[in-house]
């Protein structure tokens, strides 16, 4: 019963948030597209509840990798956050597309962070969307 109520509440909140924030997400997408081109979104493969592999959707905050010209071995140049990316990270707006993962049932609103694929730990509950906002260990300053 609790799980059904929680899921219903998450669907309702995520749907309302997406309706309210849709215009902001469109503007952010255009700004990213103008500044550094396609793609606007990135997908991170992570471990979710029970070790299930999920793809977390976020706005792209780094420039796409460039390859050096005239080099014998083509190595990617280290990527750096774009100007827009720094703002999105600082304000936690880069995670807005994760609301689609909530609608899909892969993430919850609150919970632990999604685990990297090489991490052997497993969660019993779903990872959360807003774990990184306000977290002093998130690297956002």
C-alpha atoms as a PDB file:
ATOM      1  CA  UNK A   1       0.000   0.000   0.000  1.00  0.00           C
ATOM      2  CA  UNK A   2       2.796   2.423   0.973  1.00  0.00           C
ATOM      3  CA  UNK A   3       4.729   1.669  -2.226  1.00  0.00           C
ATOM      4  CA  UNK A   4       1.667   2.374  -4.382  1.00  0.00           C
ATOM      5  CA  UNK A   5       0.987   5.684  -2.609  1.00  0.00           C
ATOM      6  CA  UNK A   6       4.628   6.703  -2.876  1.00  0.00           C
ATOM      7  CA  UNK A   7       4.746   5.855  -6.583  1.00  0.00           C
ATOM      8  CA  UNK A   8       1.475   7.721  -7.210  1.00  0.00           C
ATOM      9  CA  UNK A   9       2.805  10.766  -5.385  1.00  0.00           C
ATOM     10  CA  UNK A  10       6.037  10.658  -7.356  1.00  0.00           C
ATOM     11  CA  UNK A  11       4.140  10.423 -10.645  1.00  0.00           C
ATOM     12  CA  UNK A  12       1.943  13.353  -9.682  1.00  0.00           C
ATOM     13  CA  UNK A  13       4.822  15.541  -8.476  1.00  0.00           C
ATOM     14  CA  UNK A  14       7.098  14.704 -11.432  1.00  0.00           C
ATOM     15  CA  UNK A  15       4.291  15.347 -13.920  1.00  0.00           C
ATOM     16  CA  UNK A  16       3.412  18.701 -12.354  1.00  0.00           C
ATOM     17  CA  UNK A  17       7.085  19.710 -12.117  1.00  0.00           C
ATOM     18  CA  UNK A  18       7.648  18.852 -15.778  1.00  0.00           C
ATOM     19  CA  UNK A  19       4.598  20.863 -16.845  1.00  0.00           C
ATOM     20  CA  UNK A  20       5.715  23.865 -14.777  1.00  0.00           C
ATOM     21  CA  UNK A  21       9.406  23.640 -15.745  1.00  0.00           C
ATOM     22  CA  UNK A  22       8.970  22.704 -19.423  1.00  0.00           C
ATOM     23  CA  UNK A  23       9.533  26.246 -20.706  1.00  0.00           C
ATOM     24  CA  UNK A  24      12.706  26.554 -18.607  1.00  0.00           C
ATOM     25  CA  UNK A  25      13.955  23.222 -19.929  1.00  0.00           C
ATOM     26  CA  UNK A  26      13.340  24.362 -23.523  1.00  0.00           C
ATOM     27  CA  UNK A  27      15.271  27.605 -22.922  1.00  0.00           C
ATOM     28  CA  UNK A  28      18.158  25.704 -21.283  1.00  0.00           C
ATOM     29  CA  UNK A  29      18.218  23.279 -24.236  1.00  0.00           C
ATOM     30  CA  UNK A  30      18.443  26.151 -26.738  1.00  0.00           C
ATOM     31  CA  UNK A  31      21.218  27.857 -24.773  1.00  0.00           C
ATOM     32  CA  UNK A  32      23.236  24.616 -24.644  1.00  0.00           C
ATOM     33  CA  UNK A  33      22.624  24.020 -28.358  1.00  0.00           C
ATOM     34  CA  UNK A  34      23.728  27.547 -29.294  1.00  0.00           C
ATOM     35  CA  UNK A  35      26.800  27.492 -27.053  1.00  0.00           C
ATOM     36  CA  UNK A  36      28.203  24.060 -27.845  1.00  0.00           C
ATOM     37  CA  UNK A  37      25.917  22.230 -30.282  1.00  0.00           C
ATOM     38  CA  UNK A  38      24.334  18.822 -30.073  1.00  0.00           C
ATOM     39  CA  UNK A  39      23.609  16.695 -28.069  1.00  0.00           C
ATOM     40  CA  UNK A  40      21.799  18.670 -25.407  1.00  0.00           C
ATOM     41  CA  UNK A  41      21.363  15.700 -23.061  1.00  0.00           C
ATOM     42  CA  UNK A  42      23.774  13.063 -21.779  1.00  0.00           C
ATOM     43  CA  UNK A  43      22.938   9.636 -20.459  1.00  0.00           C
ATOM     44  CA  UNK A  44      24.911   8.221 -17.555  1.00  0.00           C
ATOM     45  CA  UNK A  45      24.717   4.482 -17.004  1.00  0.00           C
ATOM     46  CA  UNK A  46      24.427   3.798 -13.276  1.00  0.00           C
ATOM     47  CA  UNK A  47      23.219   1.140 -10.883  1.00  0.00           C
ATOM     48  CA  UNK A  48      19.763   1.570  -9.435  1.00  0.00           C
ATOM     49  CA  UNK A  49      17.689  -0.407  -6.948  1.00  0.00           C
ATOM     50  CA  UNK A  50      18.765  -4.024  -6.670  1.00  0.00           C
ATOM     51  CA  UNK A  51      21.788  -3.468  -8.935  1.00  0.00           C
ATOM     52  CA  UNK A  52      19.638  -2.841 -12.023  1.00  0.00           C
ATOM     53  CA  UNK A  53      21.454  -0.812 -14.692  1.00  0.00           C
ATOM     54  CA  UNK A  54      19.648   2.448 -15.447  1.00  0.00           C
ATOM     55  CA  UNK A  55      20.387   5.413 -17.706  1.00  0.00           C
ATOM     56  CA  UNK A  56      20.170   8.753 -15.916  1.00  0.00           C
ATOM     57  CA  UNK A  57      19.322  11.685 -18.185  1.00  0.00           C
ATOM     58  CA  UNK A  58      20.932  15.092 -17.540  1.00  0.00           C
ATOM     59  CA  UNK A  59      21.693  18.299 -19.416  1.00  0.00           C
ATOM     60  CA  UNK A  60      25.153  18.293 -20.997  1.00  0.00           C
ATOM     61  CA  UNK A  61      27.404  20.651 -19.053  1.00  0.00           C
ATOM     62  CA  UNK A  62      30.735  19.930 -20.762  1.00  0.00           C
ATOM     63  CA  UNK A  63      31.872  20.632 -24.278  1.00  0.00           C
ATOM     64  CA  UNK A  64      32.013  17.550 -26.511  1.00  0.00           C
ATOM     65  CA  UNK A  65      35.531  16.053 -26.690  1.00  0.00           C
ATOM     66  CA  UNK A  66      37.799  17.430 -29.396  1.00  0.00           C
ATOM     67  CA  UNK A  67      40.633  15.496 -30.938  1.00  0.00           C
ATOM     68  CA  UNK A  68      44.042  17.029 -31.606  1.00  0.00           C
ATOM     69  CA  UNK A  69      44.910  17.708 -35.201  1.00  0.00           C
ATOM     70  CA  UNK A  70      48.114  16.376 -36.719  1.00  0.00           C
ATOM     71  CA  UNK A  71      48.879  14.042 -33.841  1.00  0.00           C
ATOM     72  CA  UNK A  72      50.050  10.503 -34.482  1.00  0.00           C
ATOM     73  CA  UNK A  73      47.758   9.134 -31.765  1.00  0.00           C
ATOM     74  CA  UNK A  74      44.428  10.847 -31.623  1.00  0.00           C
ATOM     75  CA  UNK A  75      43.805  11.461 -27.948  1.00  0.00           C
ATOM     76  CA  UNK A  76      40.853  13.449 -26.712  1.00  0.00           C
ATOM     77  CA  UNK A  77      41.643  16.858 -25.270  1.00  0.00           C
ATOM     78  CA  UNK A  78      40.429  17.045 -21.643  1.00  0.00           C
ATOM     79  CA  UNK A  79      36.854  18.303 -21.484  1.00  0.00           C
ATOM     80  CA  UNK A  80      35.951  21.312 -19.422  1.00  0.00           C
ATOM     81  CA  UNK A  81      32.577  22.628 -18.293  1.00  0.00           C
ATOM     82  CA  UNK A  82      31.074  25.277 -20.544  1.00  0.00           C
ATOM     83  CA  UNK A  83      29.961  28.663 -19.161  1.00  0.00           C
ATOM     84  CA  UNK A  84      26.365  27.509 -19.225  1.00  0.00           C
ATOM     85  CA  UNK A  85      27.406  24.183 -17.707  1.00  0.00           C
ATOM     86  CA  UNK A  86      29.013  25.872 -14.714  1.00  0.00           C
ATOM     87  CA  UNK A  87      25.816  27.832 -14.069  1.00  0.00           C
ATOM     88  CA  UNK A  88      23.643  24.729 -14.462  1.00  0.00           C
ATOM     89  CA  UNK A  89      25.816  22.754 -12.051  1.00  0.00           C
ATOM     90  CA  UNK A  90      25.942  25.535  -9.471  1.00  0.00           C
ATOM     91  CA  UNK A  91      22.144  25.921  -9.513  1.00  0.00           C
ATOM     92  CA  UNK A  92      21.428  22.152  -9.784  1.00  0.00           C
ATOM     93  CA  UNK A  93      19.428  22.727 -12.982  1.00  0.00           C
ATOM     94  CA  UNK A  94      21.497  20.153 -14.874  1.00  0.00           C
ATOM     95  CA  UNK A  95      19.432  17.472 -13.142  1.00  0.00           C
ATOM     96  CA  UNK A  96      15.996  18.659 -14.342  1.00  0.00           C
ATOM     97  CA  UNK A  97      15.757  15.962 -17.052  1.00  0.00           C
ATOM     98  CA  UNK A  98      16.015  13.365 -14.275  1.00  0.00           C
ATOM     99  CA  UNK A  99      12.318  14.056 -13.674  1.00  0.00           C
ATOM    100  CA  UNK A 100      11.751  11.911 -16.771  1.00  0.00           C
ATOM    101  CA  UNK A 101      13.582   9.095 -14.974  1.00  0.00           C
ATOM    102  CA  UNK A 102      11.151   9.543 -12.066  1.00  0.00           C
ATOM    103  CA  UNK A 103       8.207   9.194 -14.457  1.00  0.00           C
ATOM    104  CA  UNK A 104       9.864   6.110 -15.927  1.00  0.00           C
ATOM    105  CA  UNK A 105      10.214   4.593 -12.442  1.00  0.00           C
ATOM    106  CA  UNK A 106      14.025   4.369 -12.395  1.00  0.00           C
ATOM    107  CA  UNK A 107      14.573   7.129  -9.812  1.00  0.00           C
ATOM    108  CA  UNK A 108      12.739   8.483  -6.781  1.00  0.00           C
ATOM    109  CA  UNK A 109      12.582  12.117  -5.661  1.00  0.00           C
ATOM    110  CA  UNK A 110      14.745  11.544  -2.621  1.00  0.00           C
ATOM    111  CA  UNK A 111      17.190   8.782  -1.978  1.00  0.00           C
ATOM    112  CA  UNK A 112      20.841   7.854  -2.236  1.00  0.00           C
ATOM    113  CA  UNK A 113      22.874   8.847  -5.301  1.00  0.00           C
ATOM    114  CA  UNK A 114      22.930   6.445  -8.266  1.00  0.00           C
ATOM    115  CA  UNK A 115      25.969   4.169  -8.058  1.00  0.00           C
ATOM    116  CA  UNK A 116      28.641   3.982 -10.774  1.00  0.00           C
ATOM    117  CA  UNK A 117      28.676   0.751 -12.775  1.00  0.00           C
ATOM    118  CA  UNK A 118      31.942  -0.413 -11.219  1.00  0.00           C
ATOM    119  CA  UNK A 119      30.539  -0.141  -7.672  1.00  0.00           C
ATOM    120  CA  UNK A 120      29.524  -3.533  -6.277  1.00  0.00           C
ATOM    121  CA  UNK A 121      27.136  -2.190  -3.615  1.00  0.00           C
ATOM    122  CA  UNK A 122      23.392  -2.533  -4.121  1.00  0.00           C
ATOM    123  CA  UNK A 123      20.546  -0.414  -2.865  1.00  0.00           C
ATOM    124  CA  UNK A 124      17.207  -1.803  -1.813  1.00  0.00           C
ATOM    125  CA  UNK A 125      15.496   1.500  -2.558  1.00  0.00           C
ATOM    126  CA  UNK A 126      15.553   3.575  -5.730  1.00  0.00           C
ATOM    127  CA  UNK A 127      18.245   6.231  -6.074  1.00  0.00           C
ATOM    128  CA  UNK A 128      17.024   9.801  -5.762  1.00  0.00           C
ATOM    129  CA  UNK A 129      16.993  12.859  -8.002  1.00  0.00           C
ATOM    130  CA  UNK A 130      17.758  15.631  -5.531  1.00  0.00           C
ATOM    131  CA  UNK A 131      20.569  13.981  -3.572  1.00  0.00           C
ATOM    132  CA  UNK A 132      23.184  16.309  -5.088  1.00  0.00           C
ATOM    133  CA  UNK A 133      21.515  19.664  -4.389  1.00  0.00           C
ATOM    134  CA  UNK A 134      22.829  21.150  -1.183  1.00  0.00           C
ATOM    135  CA  UNK A 135      25.179  18.231  -0.586  1.00  0.00           C
ATOM    136  CA  UNK A 136      28.575  19.502   0.483  1.00  0.00           C
ATOM    137  CA  UNK A 137      30.265  16.422  -1.035  1.00  0.00           C
ATOM    138  CA  UNK A 138      28.745  16.917  -4.467  1.00  0.00           C
ATOM    139  CA  UNK A 139      31.559  19.117  -5.815  1.00  0.00           C
ATOM    140  CA  UNK A 140      29.141  21.952  -6.612  1.00  0.00           C
ATOM    141  CA  UNK A 141      30.433  25.331  -5.478  1.00  0.00           C
END
